N, C-alpha and C. Protein backbone atom coordinates (compact mmCIF):
# COMPACT_ATOMS: atom_id res chain seq x y z
N MET A 1 -5.57 -11.77 -0.17
CA MET A 1 -4.81 -11.42 -0.22
C MET A 1 -5.01 -10.01 -0.46
N ILE A 2 -4.11 -8.73 0.13
CA ILE A 2 -4.15 -7.77 0.12
C ILE A 2 -3.21 -7.45 -1.16
N GLU A 3 -3.52 -6.60 -2.07
CA GLU A 3 -2.75 -5.46 -2.96
C GLU A 3 -3.21 -4.39 -3.07
N SER A 4 -2.53 -3.39 -3.13
CA SER A 4 -2.23 -1.87 -3.18
C SER A 4 -1.08 -1.63 -3.87
N LYS A 5 -1.44 -0.44 -4.58
CA LYS A 5 0.13 0.19 -4.82
C LYS A 5 -0.27 1.43 -4.64
N LYS A 6 0.96 2.45 -5.05
CA LYS A 6 1.04 3.51 -4.71
C LYS A 6 1.20 4.87 -5.61
N VAL A 7 0.75 5.22 -6.40
CA VAL A 7 1.68 5.97 -7.65
C VAL A 7 1.79 7.34 -7.35
N PRO A 8 3.61 7.09 -7.68
CA PRO A 8 4.39 8.21 -7.59
C PRO A 8 4.31 9.62 -7.13
N ASP A 9 2.58 10.13 -8.12
CA ASP A 9 3.10 11.78 -8.22
C ASP A 9 1.73 11.79 -7.11
N GLU A 10 1.02 10.76 -6.17
CA GLU A 10 0.15 11.29 -5.63
C GLU A 10 0.87 12.23 -4.01
N GLU A 11 -0.13 12.96 -3.52
CA GLU A 11 0.61 13.95 -2.76
C GLU A 11 0.26 13.16 -1.39
N ALA A 12 0.13 12.14 -1.01
CA ALA A 12 0.88 11.59 -0.01
C ALA A 12 1.82 11.06 0.13
N THR A 13 2.65 11.22 1.30
CA THR A 13 4.30 11.17 1.50
C THR A 13 4.06 9.43 1.57
N ASP A 14 5.60 9.12 1.35
CA ASP A 14 5.42 7.28 1.30
C ASP A 14 5.05 7.31 2.81
N GLN A 15 5.45 8.25 3.91
CA GLN A 15 5.21 7.61 5.73
C GLN A 15 3.71 7.95 5.40
N ASP A 16 3.03 8.80 5.07
CA ASP A 16 1.53 8.56 5.27
C ASP A 16 0.76 6.96 4.21
N TYR A 17 1.60 7.17 3.46
CA TYR A 17 0.94 5.93 2.86
C TYR A 17 0.95 4.74 3.83
N TRP A 18 2.25 4.30 4.17
CA TRP A 18 2.22 3.24 4.92
C TRP A 18 1.57 3.25 6.26
N ASN A 19 1.65 4.40 6.70
CA ASN A 19 0.72 4.24 8.35
C ASN A 19 -0.77 4.32 7.77
N ALA A 20 -1.36 4.62 6.92
CA ALA A 20 -2.88 4.77 5.98
C ALA A 20 -2.87 2.58 5.90
N TYR A 21 -2.03 2.04 5.09
CA TYR A 21 -2.04 0.85 4.81
C TYR A 21 -2.10 -0.23 5.89
N ARG A 22 -1.25 0.39 7.29
CA ARG A 22 -0.84 -0.02 8.58
C ARG A 22 -2.38 -0.68 9.05
N THR A 23 -3.38 0.99 9.07
CA THR A 23 -4.12 0.75 10.13
C THR A 23 -5.16 0.19 9.23
N VAL A 24 -5.27 0.21 7.77
CA VAL A 24 -6.17 -0.64 7.04
C VAL A 24 -5.86 -1.70 7.84
N ALA A 25 -4.83 -2.50 6.98
CA ALA A 25 -4.45 -4.14 7.38
C ALA A 25 -4.80 -4.44 8.62
N GLU A 26 -4.63 -3.19 9.51
CA GLU A 26 -4.45 -3.85 11.06
C GLU A 26 -6.01 -4.10 11.10
N LYS A 27 -6.86 -3.81 10.67
CA LYS A 27 -8.49 -3.34 11.04
C LYS A 27 -9.02 -5.08 10.81
N VAL A 28 -8.70 -5.30 9.02
CA VAL A 28 -9.12 -5.89 8.68
C VAL A 28 -8.34 -7.48 9.16
N ARG A 29 -7.20 -7.13 9.72
CA ARG A 29 -6.99 -8.56 10.19
C ARG A 29 -7.47 -8.85 11.32
N VAL A 30 -7.96 -8.15 11.96
CA VAL A 30 -8.97 -8.19 13.20
C VAL A 30 -10.05 -8.75 13.06
N SER A 31 -10.62 -8.28 12.04
CA SER A 31 -12.08 -8.62 11.70
C SER A 31 -11.81 -10.03 10.99
N LEU A 32 -10.68 -10.80 10.51
CA LEU A 32 -10.41 -12.04 10.22
C LEU A 32 -9.98 -12.83 11.24
N GLY A 33 -10.36 -12.39 12.30
CA GLY A 33 -9.71 -13.37 13.87
C GLY A 33 -8.00 -13.36 13.85
N ASN A 34 -7.56 -12.34 13.85
CA ASN A 34 -6.33 -12.40 13.47
C ASN A 34 -5.06 -13.14 13.22
N PRO A 35 -5.58 -13.59 11.76
CA PRO A 35 -4.57 -14.53 11.41
C PRO A 35 -3.07 -14.58 10.93
N SER A 36 -2.10 -15.13 10.42
CA SER A 36 -1.06 -14.79 10.47
C SER A 36 -0.80 -13.97 9.14
N MET A 37 0.46 -13.42 8.39
CA MET A 37 -0.09 -12.16 8.09
C MET A 37 1.98 -11.96 8.05
N ASN A 38 2.04 -11.73 5.99
CA ASN A 38 3.14 -11.46 5.48
C ASN A 38 3.02 -10.01 4.41
N LEU A 39 4.44 -9.87 4.12
CA LEU A 39 4.20 -8.22 3.85
C LEU A 39 5.70 -8.22 3.38
N THR A 40 4.80 -7.91 2.18
CA THR A 40 6.13 -8.00 1.22
C THR A 40 5.91 -6.85 0.20
N GLU A 41 7.32 -5.44 -0.06
CA GLU A 41 7.53 -4.51 -0.61
C GLU A 41 7.92 -4.65 -1.91
N GLU A 42 7.29 -3.99 -2.65
CA GLU A 42 8.24 -3.56 -3.71
C GLU A 42 7.73 -2.64 -4.75
N THR A 43 8.93 -2.42 -5.32
CA THR A 43 9.43 -1.08 -5.48
C THR A 43 9.85 -1.15 -7.66
N ILE A 44 9.30 -0.54 -7.96
CA ILE A 44 9.46 -0.54 -9.32
C ILE A 44 9.62 0.34 -10.08
N ASN A 45 10.21 1.05 -10.98
CA ASN A 45 10.09 1.90 -11.49
C ASN A 45 9.65 2.06 -12.74
N ILE A 46 8.45 3.10 -13.25
CA ILE A 46 7.99 2.83 -14.57
C ILE A 46 7.66 4.76 -15.04
N THR A 47 7.53 4.78 -16.59
CA THR A 47 7.45 6.08 -16.57
C THR A 47 6.62 5.98 -17.71
N TYR A 48 5.30 6.84 -17.39
CA TYR A 48 4.31 6.77 -18.38
C TYR A 48 4.74 8.48 -18.91
N PHE A 49 3.40 8.29 -20.40
CA PHE A 49 3.04 9.91 -20.38
C PHE A 49 1.46 10.03 -20.39
N GLU A 50 1.83 11.32 -19.93
CA GLU A 50 -0.03 11.57 -19.98
C GLU A 50 -0.40 11.84 -21.68
N LYS A 51 0.70 12.40 -21.95
CA LYS A 51 0.56 13.46 -23.55
C LYS A 51 1.52 12.82 -24.30
N ILE A 52 1.31 12.99 -25.52
CA ILE A 52 2.80 13.01 -26.17
C ILE A 52 3.11 14.00 -27.06
């Protein structure tokens, strides 16, 4: 299982994030002998405070 999280205020765009994710996932998949693979995307809304 590969789990990753994108922090909303990072400078990477959503497209850049998914392009990088796909590149890494494809390399890992090849190194594991091309097993079948599923991808689930979950979007959640969070609020956090750096300082109160």
